[in-house]
Each structure stands twice: as structure tokens, then as C-alpha cells.
């Protein structure tokens, strides 16, 4: 039986095009989100000689997806929160609480878009805030595909 990994990738901008989202999109998803505000893909990968089925939900936070957002967290191994605006930073605590209440086993990681000047200037504050919520995995928009694959491999081990 092959192992599976489920990841929910949450962003507040519909077409965030930083490097991490491009890696996820190019490796797993289509170029654009569907009109529903979410997309799903799975890909079989080989990691350390074993086949792993990686399932990715790419979700855009919108009025349409908020009522069903919890459903994307059920059974997930990890949630990657894309911080692409200070608005997302202000919503961070509520998102983390929702994830922990819905599926406490999920690992939470954050990707910060440091191309945004305001986010870059507030990066250390954002990092401290995340760490106060127990989030210690950070992606930078300049992270390469290998960093994402390492993260997925660690999820499989846990």
C-alpha cells in the first residue's frame, strides 16, 4: 500500500504568483484556480524508494470558500498559509485556531511574500507572531522545489 500526503495551500489572493505557488502549481496544479476558488490535484512521487501519493488542495480565501474552508483541513497532513498581504497577517490567528480546532494533527507552515514591501519590512514581526502560534516552518517565495519536496518528505515520516 502506498502512503499518502494531503496538503492544503491557502492564499488570500486569487492569483498569487510567487515562486512557491508556481512550484506547487507547475508540479501539481493547473496554472489558474477554477471559478470555484479551489483546485485539487494529486501526483504520485517517489521518495526514498517508496511511492507516495501527494494530494494538494489549492484554496483561495473568498466569500465563496470561507463557509466551507474547514473541509479542506480534515485529514490534512499540512496546511501552508500564504501570507501575501497584511490583511492575511491580521487573519492569521483566526485561521490557525480554525485549523487546530478542525484537525489538530495538521502541521502548519507559512509562506511569506517578501516581494511585497510592507511584508518584507514586517517580516520579523510576522515570524514572531507565527512562532507564538506554534508555526516554525517557513517558506520564502525564493525557496526552490527541493525545499517543498523536503517538507513533503518530513510530513510522510510523521
N, C-alpha and C. Protein backbone atom coordinates (compact mmCIF):
# COMPACT_ATOMS: atom_id res chain seq x y z
N UNK A 1 0.84 -1.18 0.00
CA UNK A 1 0.00 0.00 0.00
C UNK A 1 0.89 1.25 0.00
N UNK A 2 0.63 2.16 -0.91
CA UNK A 2 1.45 3.37 -0.96
C UNK A 2 0.94 4.37 0.07
N UNK A 3 1.87 5.16 0.60
CA UNK A 3 1.48 6.17 1.57
C UNK A 3 0.93 7.39 0.85
N UNK A 4 0.17 8.20 1.61
CA UNK A 4 -0.42 9.40 1.05
C UNK A 4 -0.09 10.60 1.92
N UNK A 5 -0.01 11.76 1.29
CA UNK A 5 0.19 13.02 1.99
C UNK A 5 -0.85 13.98 1.43
N UNK A 6 -1.56 14.67 2.33
CA UNK A 6 -2.54 15.67 1.90
C UNK A 6 -2.07 17.04 2.41
N UNK A 7 -2.02 18.01 1.51
CA UNK A 7 -1.62 19.38 1.85
C UNK A 7 -2.70 20.34 1.36
N UNK A 8 -3.07 21.29 2.22
CA UNK A 8 -3.96 22.37 1.82
C UNK A 8 -3.13 23.64 1.73
N UNK A 9 -3.16 24.28 0.58
CA UNK A 9 -2.40 25.51 0.33
C UNK A 9 -3.41 26.64 0.27
N UNK A 10 -3.37 27.56 1.25
CA UNK A 10 -4.38 28.60 1.40
C UNK A 10 -3.77 29.96 1.10
N UNK A 11 -4.40 30.72 0.20
CA UNK A 11 -3.92 32.08 -0.09
C UNK A 11 -5.11 33.04 -0.11
N UNK A 12 -4.83 34.30 0.17
CA UNK A 12 -5.90 35.29 0.16
C UNK A 12 -5.96 36.07 -1.14
N UNK A 13 -5.02 35.81 -2.01
CA UNK A 13 -5.02 36.45 -3.32
C UNK A 13 -5.30 35.37 -4.35
N UNK A 14 -6.23 35.62 -5.28
CA UNK A 14 -6.64 34.55 -6.20
C UNK A 14 -5.54 34.07 -7.13
N UNK A 15 -4.62 34.92 -7.49
CA UNK A 15 -3.59 34.51 -8.44
C UNK A 15 -2.21 34.86 -7.93
N UNK A 16 -1.94 34.45 -6.69
CA UNK A 16 -0.62 34.67 -6.11
C UNK A 16 0.38 33.94 -6.99
N UNK A 17 1.37 34.65 -7.46
CA UNK A 17 2.34 34.02 -8.36
C UNK A 17 3.75 34.16 -7.81
N UNK A 18 3.94 33.80 -6.55
CA UNK A 18 5.30 33.77 -6.05
C UNK A 18 5.93 32.44 -6.43
N UNK A 19 7.16 32.29 -6.15
CA UNK A 19 7.88 31.10 -6.60
C UNK A 19 7.32 29.81 -5.99
N UNK A 20 6.97 29.83 -4.68
CA UNK A 20 6.43 28.63 -4.06
C UNK A 20 5.11 28.23 -4.71
N UNK A 21 4.22 29.20 -4.91
CA UNK A 21 2.94 28.85 -5.53
C UNK A 21 3.14 28.37 -6.96
N UNK A 22 4.14 28.93 -7.65
CA UNK A 22 4.42 28.45 -9.01
C UNK A 22 4.93 27.02 -8.98
N UNK A 23 5.77 26.68 -7.97
CA UNK A 23 6.24 25.29 -7.86
C UNK A 23 5.06 24.36 -7.62
N UNK A 24 4.19 24.76 -6.69
CA UNK A 24 3.03 23.91 -6.41
C UNK A 24 2.16 23.81 -7.65
N UNK A 25 1.89 24.95 -8.30
CA UNK A 25 1.04 24.94 -9.48
C UNK A 25 1.65 24.15 -10.62
N UNK A 26 2.93 24.38 -10.89
CA UNK A 26 3.53 23.69 -12.03
C UNK A 26 3.72 22.21 -11.75
N UNK A 27 3.98 21.87 -10.49
CA UNK A 27 4.22 20.47 -10.18
C UNK A 27 2.93 19.70 -9.98
N UNK A 28 1.92 20.36 -9.40
CA UNK A 28 0.70 19.65 -9.05
C UNK A 28 -0.56 20.17 -9.73
N UNK A 29 -0.67 21.49 -9.92
CA UNK A 29 -1.95 22.08 -10.29
C UNK A 29 -1.92 22.71 -11.67
N UNK A 30 -3.09 23.18 -12.07
CA UNK A 30 -3.18 23.94 -13.30
C UNK A 30 -2.63 25.34 -13.06
N UNK A 31 -2.51 26.11 -14.11
CA UNK A 31 -1.98 27.47 -13.99
C UNK A 31 -2.92 28.40 -13.22
N UNK A 32 -4.22 28.20 -13.33
CA UNK A 32 -5.16 29.10 -12.67
C UNK A 32 -6.14 28.30 -11.82
N UNK A 33 -6.68 28.97 -10.81
CA UNK A 33 -7.70 28.33 -9.99
C UNK A 33 -9.00 28.30 -10.77
N UNK A 34 -9.80 27.30 -10.47
CA UNK A 34 -11.10 27.24 -11.11
C UNK A 34 -11.98 28.37 -10.59
N UNK A 35 -13.11 28.56 -11.21
CA UNK A 35 -14.01 29.63 -10.79
C UNK A 35 -14.57 29.38 -9.39
N UNK A 36 -14.45 28.18 -8.88
CA UNK A 36 -14.97 27.86 -7.56
C UNK A 36 -14.09 28.43 -6.45
N UNK A 37 -12.83 28.77 -6.75
CA UNK A 37 -11.91 29.29 -5.74
C UNK A 37 -11.02 28.23 -5.14
N UNK A 38 -11.08 27.02 -5.66
CA UNK A 38 -10.19 25.98 -5.19
C UNK A 38 -9.89 25.00 -6.32
N UNK A 39 -8.81 24.28 -6.15
CA UNK A 39 -8.39 23.32 -7.15
C UNK A 39 -7.79 22.13 -6.41
N UNK A 40 -7.86 20.98 -7.01
CA UNK A 40 -7.33 19.76 -6.38
C UNK A 40 -6.53 18.99 -7.42
N UNK A 41 -5.40 18.50 -6.99
CA UNK A 41 -4.59 17.63 -7.84
C UNK A 41 -3.88 16.60 -6.98
N UNK A 42 -3.55 15.52 -7.60
CA UNK A 42 -2.72 14.53 -6.91
C UNK A 42 -1.65 14.06 -7.87
N UNK A 43 -0.55 13.67 -7.27
CA UNK A 43 0.57 13.23 -8.09
C UNK A 43 1.30 12.13 -7.33
N UNK A 44 1.63 11.09 -8.04
CA UNK A 44 2.41 10.03 -7.43
C UNK A 44 3.89 10.39 -7.58
N UNK A 45 4.60 10.31 -6.46
CA UNK A 45 6.01 10.67 -6.45
C UNK A 45 6.80 9.53 -5.81
N UNK A 46 8.07 9.51 -6.08
CA UNK A 46 8.94 8.55 -5.42
C UNK A 46 9.82 9.30 -4.43
N UNK A 47 9.77 8.83 -3.18
CA UNK A 47 10.58 9.44 -2.12
C UNK A 47 11.27 8.32 -1.35
N UNK A 48 12.57 8.40 -1.36
CA UNK A 48 13.39 7.40 -0.67
C UNK A 48 13.00 5.98 -1.08
N UNK A 49 12.78 5.81 -2.37
CA UNK A 49 12.49 4.49 -2.92
C UNK A 49 11.06 4.01 -2.73
N UNK A 50 10.20 4.82 -2.15
CA UNK A 50 8.80 4.45 -1.96
C UNK A 50 7.89 5.36 -2.75
N UNK A 51 6.78 4.80 -3.23
CA UNK A 51 5.80 5.60 -3.94
C UNK A 51 4.90 6.30 -2.93
N UNK A 52 4.70 7.60 -3.15
CA UNK A 52 3.87 8.42 -2.27
C UNK A 52 2.86 9.17 -3.13
N UNK A 53 1.60 9.13 -2.74
CA UNK A 53 0.57 9.87 -3.43
C UNK A 53 0.38 11.21 -2.70
N UNK A 54 0.71 12.31 -3.38
CA UNK A 54 0.61 13.64 -2.78
C UNK A 54 -0.66 14.30 -3.31
N UNK A 55 -1.53 14.69 -2.39
CA UNK A 55 -2.79 15.36 -2.70
C UNK A 55 -2.68 16.82 -2.28
N UNK A 56 -2.95 17.74 -3.21
CA UNK A 56 -2.84 19.17 -2.92
C UNK A 56 -4.18 19.85 -3.18
N UNK A 57 -4.68 20.55 -2.16
CA UNK A 57 -5.83 21.44 -2.32
C UNK A 57 -5.28 22.84 -2.34
N UNK A 58 -5.53 23.59 -3.40
CA UNK A 58 -5.11 24.99 -3.52
C UNK A 58 -6.39 25.80 -3.35
N UNK A 59 -6.46 26.58 -2.26
CA UNK A 59 -7.71 27.28 -1.92
C UNK A 59 -7.47 28.77 -1.81
N UNK A 60 -8.29 29.53 -2.49
CA UNK A 60 -8.28 30.98 -2.41
C UNK A 60 -9.33 31.39 -1.38
N UNK A 61 -8.92 32.15 -0.35
CA UNK A 61 -9.86 32.63 0.66
C UNK A 61 -10.77 33.69 0.05
N UNK A 62 -12.04 33.36 -0.05
CA UNK A 62 -13.00 34.29 -0.62
C UNK A 62 -14.33 34.10 0.09
N UNK A 63 -15.28 34.95 -0.22
CA UNK A 63 -16.62 34.79 0.36
C UNK A 63 -17.21 33.44 -0.01
N UNK A 64 -16.82 32.93 -1.16
CA UNK A 64 -17.34 31.65 -1.63
C UNK A 64 -16.72 30.45 -0.89
N UNK A 65 -15.43 30.55 -0.55
CA UNK A 65 -14.76 29.40 0.07
C UNK A 65 -14.76 29.44 1.60
N UNK A 66 -14.91 30.61 2.20
CA UNK A 66 -14.86 30.70 3.68
C UNK A 66 -15.86 29.77 4.38
N UNK A 67 -17.12 29.68 3.91
CA UNK A 67 -18.07 28.81 4.61
C UNK A 67 -17.67 27.32 4.60
N UNK A 68 -16.88 26.92 3.62
CA UNK A 68 -16.51 25.51 3.53
C UNK A 68 -15.03 25.27 3.82
N UNK A 69 -14.33 26.29 4.29
CA UNK A 69 -12.88 26.21 4.48
C UNK A 69 -12.46 25.05 5.37
N UNK A 70 -13.20 24.80 6.44
CA UNK A 70 -12.85 23.72 7.37
C UNK A 70 -12.74 22.36 6.67
N UNK A 71 -13.51 22.16 5.66
CA UNK A 71 -13.50 20.87 4.95
C UNK A 71 -12.15 20.56 4.32
N UNK A 72 -11.40 21.61 3.98
CA UNK A 72 -10.09 21.41 3.36
C UNK A 72 -9.04 20.99 4.39
N UNK A 73 -9.33 21.15 5.69
CA UNK A 73 -8.38 20.82 6.74
C UNK A 73 -8.54 19.40 7.26
N UNK A 74 -9.70 18.81 7.06
CA UNK A 74 -9.97 17.48 7.60
C UNK A 74 -9.03 16.46 6.96
N UNK A 75 -8.30 15.76 7.79
CA UNK A 75 -7.41 14.71 7.31
C UNK A 75 -6.14 15.19 6.65
N UNK A 76 -5.87 16.49 6.72
CA UNK A 76 -4.68 17.01 6.06
C UNK A 76 -3.43 16.78 6.91
N UNK A 77 -2.32 16.55 6.26
CA UNK A 77 -1.05 16.44 6.96
C UNK A 77 -0.48 17.81 7.24
N UNK A 78 -0.77 18.77 6.33
CA UNK A 78 -0.21 20.11 6.50
C UNK A 78 -1.08 21.14 5.81
N UNK A 79 -1.01 22.34 6.37
CA UNK A 79 -1.63 23.50 5.75
C UNK A 79 -0.52 24.52 5.55
N UNK A 80 -0.37 24.97 4.31
CA UNK A 80 0.59 26.04 4.03
C UNK A 80 -0.23 27.31 3.84
N UNK A 81 -0.03 28.26 4.75
CA UNK A 81 -0.72 29.54 4.67
C UNK A 81 0.16 30.53 3.91
N UNK A 82 -0.35 31.02 2.81
CA UNK A 82 0.38 32.00 2.01
C UNK A 82 0.06 33.38 2.55
N UNK A 83 1.05 34.06 3.11
CA UNK A 83 0.86 35.42 3.58
C UNK A 83 1.27 36.35 2.46
N UNK A 84 0.26 36.92 1.80
CA UNK A 84 0.53 37.77 0.66
C UNK A 84 0.05 39.20 0.86
N UNK A 85 -0.42 39.50 2.08
CA UNK A 85 -0.81 40.88 2.41
C UNK A 85 -0.90 41.01 3.93
N UNK A 86 -0.88 42.23 4.40
CA UNK A 86 -1.03 42.46 5.84
C UNK A 86 -2.43 42.04 6.30
N UNK A 87 -3.40 42.02 5.40
CA UNK A 87 -4.74 41.53 5.74
C UNK A 87 -4.66 40.06 6.17
N UNK A 88 -3.86 39.28 5.46
CA UNK A 88 -3.69 37.87 5.83
C UNK A 88 -3.05 37.76 7.21
N UNK A 89 -2.09 38.64 7.51
CA UNK A 89 -1.44 38.63 8.83
C UNK A 89 -2.49 38.88 9.91
N UNK A 90 -3.41 39.82 9.67
CA UNK A 90 -4.44 40.12 10.67
C UNK A 90 -5.41 38.95 10.85
N UNK A 91 -5.56 38.12 9.83
CA UNK A 91 -6.45 36.95 9.91
C UNK A 91 -5.75 35.70 10.41
N UNK A 92 -4.45 35.78 10.60
CA UNK A 92 -3.64 34.61 10.92
C UNK A 92 -4.13 33.86 12.15
N UNK A 93 -4.37 34.56 13.24
CA UNK A 93 -4.80 33.89 14.47
C UNK A 93 -6.09 33.11 14.26
N UNK A 94 -7.07 33.70 13.60
CA UNK A 94 -8.34 33.00 13.36
C UNK A 94 -8.15 31.78 12.47
N UNK A 95 -7.30 31.91 11.44
CA UNK A 95 -7.04 30.77 10.56
C UNK A 95 -6.37 29.62 11.33
N UNK A 96 -5.37 29.97 12.14
CA UNK A 96 -4.66 28.94 12.91
C UNK A 96 -5.62 28.25 13.88
N UNK A 97 -6.45 29.03 14.57
CA UNK A 97 -7.42 28.44 15.50
C UNK A 97 -8.40 27.52 14.77
N UNK A 98 -8.86 27.93 13.60
CA UNK A 98 -9.78 27.10 12.82
C UNK A 98 -9.11 25.78 12.41
N UNK A 99 -7.87 25.87 11.98
CA UNK A 99 -7.14 24.65 11.58
C UNK A 99 -6.97 23.73 12.78
N UNK A 100 -6.53 24.28 13.91
CA UNK A 100 -6.28 23.45 15.09
C UNK A 100 -7.55 22.84 15.65
N UNK A 101 -8.65 23.56 15.58
CA UNK A 101 -9.93 23.01 16.06
C UNK A 101 -10.45 21.93 15.12
N UNK A 102 -10.26 22.14 13.83
CA UNK A 102 -10.78 21.20 12.84
C UNK A 102 -9.95 19.93 12.76
N UNK A 103 -8.63 20.09 12.71
CA UNK A 103 -7.75 18.93 12.59
C UNK A 103 -6.44 19.23 13.30
N UNK A 104 -6.40 19.00 14.63
CA UNK A 104 -5.24 19.39 15.43
C UNK A 104 -3.92 18.74 15.02
N UNK A 105 -3.97 17.63 14.31
CA UNK A 105 -2.73 16.94 13.92
C UNK A 105 -2.02 17.62 12.75
N UNK A 106 -2.71 18.52 12.06
CA UNK A 106 -2.13 19.14 10.86
C UNK A 106 -0.95 20.02 11.22
N UNK A 107 0.11 19.87 10.49
CA UNK A 107 1.28 20.74 10.61
C UNK A 107 0.96 22.02 9.84
N UNK A 108 1.30 23.16 10.42
CA UNK A 108 1.03 24.43 9.77
C UNK A 108 2.36 25.07 9.38
N UNK A 109 2.44 25.48 8.14
CA UNK A 109 3.62 26.18 7.64
C UNK A 109 3.15 27.50 7.04
N UNK A 110 4.08 28.42 6.88
CA UNK A 110 3.76 29.74 6.35
C UNK A 110 4.72 30.08 5.22
N UNK A 111 4.17 30.67 4.18
CA UNK A 111 4.97 31.20 3.09
C UNK A 111 4.71 32.70 3.05
N UNK A 112 5.77 33.49 3.16
CA UNK A 112 5.64 34.95 3.18
C UNK A 112 6.14 35.52 1.86
N UNK A 113 5.31 36.37 1.26
CA UNK A 113 5.69 37.02 0.02
C UNK A 113 6.51 38.27 0.33
N UNK A 114 7.82 38.11 0.42
CA UNK A 114 8.71 39.24 0.75
C UNK A 114 8.95 40.16 -0.44
N UNK A 115 8.32 39.88 -1.57
CA UNK A 115 8.37 40.83 -2.69
C UNK A 115 7.48 42.02 -2.37
N UNK A 116 6.50 41.80 -1.48
CA UNK A 116 5.64 42.88 -1.01
C UNK A 116 6.44 43.69 0.00
N UNK A 117 6.63 44.97 -0.24
CA UNK A 117 7.49 45.80 0.60
C UNK A 117 7.01 45.84 2.04
N UNK A 118 5.71 45.97 2.25
CA UNK A 118 5.17 46.02 3.61
C UNK A 118 5.42 44.72 4.37
N UNK A 119 5.25 43.59 3.69
CA UNK A 119 5.52 42.30 4.33
C UNK A 119 7.01 42.13 4.61
N UNK A 120 7.84 42.58 3.68
CA UNK A 120 9.29 42.49 3.88
C UNK A 120 9.72 43.30 5.09
N UNK A 121 9.18 44.51 5.21
CA UNK A 121 9.53 45.37 6.35
C UNK A 121 9.05 44.80 7.68
N UNK A 122 7.97 44.01 7.65
CA UNK A 122 7.39 43.44 8.87
C UNK A 122 7.69 41.96 9.04
N UNK A 123 8.66 41.45 8.27
CA UNK A 123 8.92 40.01 8.26
C UNK A 123 9.22 39.45 9.66
N UNK A 124 10.09 40.10 10.40
CA UNK A 124 10.45 39.57 11.73
C UNK A 124 9.26 39.57 12.68
N UNK A 125 8.44 40.59 12.60
CA UNK A 125 7.22 40.64 13.41
C UNK A 125 6.27 39.50 13.02
N UNK A 126 6.13 39.27 11.72
CA UNK A 126 5.28 38.18 11.23
C UNK A 126 5.82 36.84 11.72
N UNK A 127 7.13 36.68 11.62
CA UNK A 127 7.77 35.43 12.06
C UNK A 127 7.53 35.19 13.56
N UNK A 128 7.71 36.24 14.37
CA UNK A 128 7.46 36.11 15.82
C UNK A 128 6.00 35.74 16.10
N UNK A 129 5.10 36.37 15.37
CA UNK A 129 3.67 36.09 15.54
C UNK A 129 3.38 34.62 15.20
N UNK A 130 3.94 34.17 14.10
CA UNK A 130 3.74 32.77 13.70
C UNK A 130 4.30 31.82 14.75
N UNK A 131 5.49 32.11 15.23
CA UNK A 131 6.12 31.25 16.24
C UNK A 131 5.30 31.24 17.53
N UNK A 132 4.65 32.36 17.88
CA UNK A 132 3.80 32.38 19.07
C UNK A 132 2.59 31.47 18.91
N UNK A 133 2.22 31.17 17.66
CA UNK A 133 1.12 30.24 17.38
C UNK A 133 1.63 28.82 17.16
N UNK A 134 2.93 28.60 17.36
CA UNK A 134 3.49 27.26 17.18
C UNK A 134 3.81 26.92 15.74
N UNK A 135 4.00 27.91 14.89
CA UNK A 135 4.35 27.69 13.49
C UNK A 135 5.83 27.94 13.34
N UNK A 136 6.57 26.89 12.97
CA UNK A 136 8.03 27.01 12.88
C UNK A 136 8.56 26.71 11.48
N UNK A 137 7.68 26.29 10.56
CA UNK A 137 8.09 26.02 9.19
C UNK A 137 7.73 27.21 8.32
N UNK A 138 8.76 27.82 7.73
CA UNK A 138 8.57 28.99 6.89
C UNK A 138 9.12 28.72 5.51
N UNK A 139 8.37 29.17 4.52
CA UNK A 139 8.85 29.16 3.15
C UNK A 139 9.03 30.61 2.75
N UNK A 140 10.05 30.85 2.00
CA UNK A 140 10.27 32.15 1.39
C UNK A 140 9.85 31.99 -0.06
N UNK A 141 9.41 33.06 -0.68
CA UNK A 141 9.00 32.93 -2.07
C UNK A 141 10.14 32.50 -2.98
N UNK A 142 11.38 32.64 -2.49
CA UNK A 142 12.52 32.23 -3.31
C UNK A 142 12.93 30.78 -3.07
N UNK A 143 12.22 30.09 -2.18
CA UNK A 143 12.54 28.69 -1.97
C UNK A 143 12.33 27.91 -3.26
N UNK A 144 13.18 26.95 -3.45
CA UNK A 144 13.07 26.17 -4.68
C UNK A 144 12.23 24.92 -4.44
N UNK A 145 12.03 24.17 -5.50
CA UNK A 145 11.21 22.97 -5.43
C UNK A 145 11.77 21.96 -4.44
N UNK A 146 13.09 21.90 -4.29
CA UNK A 146 13.70 20.96 -3.35
C UNK A 146 13.23 21.20 -1.93
N UNK A 147 13.09 22.46 -1.54
CA UNK A 147 12.61 22.80 -0.19
C UNK A 147 11.20 22.27 0.03
N UNK A 148 10.34 22.41 -0.98
CA UNK A 148 8.98 21.88 -0.90
C UNK A 148 9.01 20.35 -0.79
N UNK A 149 9.85 19.71 -1.58
CA UNK A 149 9.95 18.25 -1.53
C UNK A 149 10.47 17.76 -0.18
N UNK A 150 11.41 18.49 0.41
CA UNK A 150 11.89 18.14 1.77
C UNK A 150 10.76 18.23 2.79
N UNK A 151 9.95 19.27 2.66
CA UNK A 151 8.81 19.46 3.57
C UNK A 151 7.84 18.28 3.42
N UNK A 152 7.53 17.90 2.19
CA UNK A 152 6.61 16.77 1.94
C UNK A 152 7.20 15.49 2.49
N UNK A 153 8.50 15.29 2.32
CA UNK A 153 9.15 14.08 2.85
C UNK A 153 9.05 14.02 4.36
N UNK A 154 9.22 15.16 5.04
CA UNK A 154 9.09 15.19 6.50
C UNK A 154 7.68 14.87 6.94
N UNK A 155 6.70 15.32 6.18
CA UNK A 155 5.30 15.02 6.52
C UNK A 155 5.04 13.53 6.45
N UNK A 156 5.62 12.90 5.47
CA UNK A 156 5.44 11.46 5.28
C UNK A 156 6.03 10.68 6.45
N UNK A 157 7.11 11.18 6.99
CA UNK A 157 7.78 10.49 8.11
C UNK A 157 7.00 10.60 9.41
N UNK A 158 6.22 11.67 9.56
CA UNK A 158 5.48 11.88 10.81
C UNK A 158 4.18 11.15 10.85
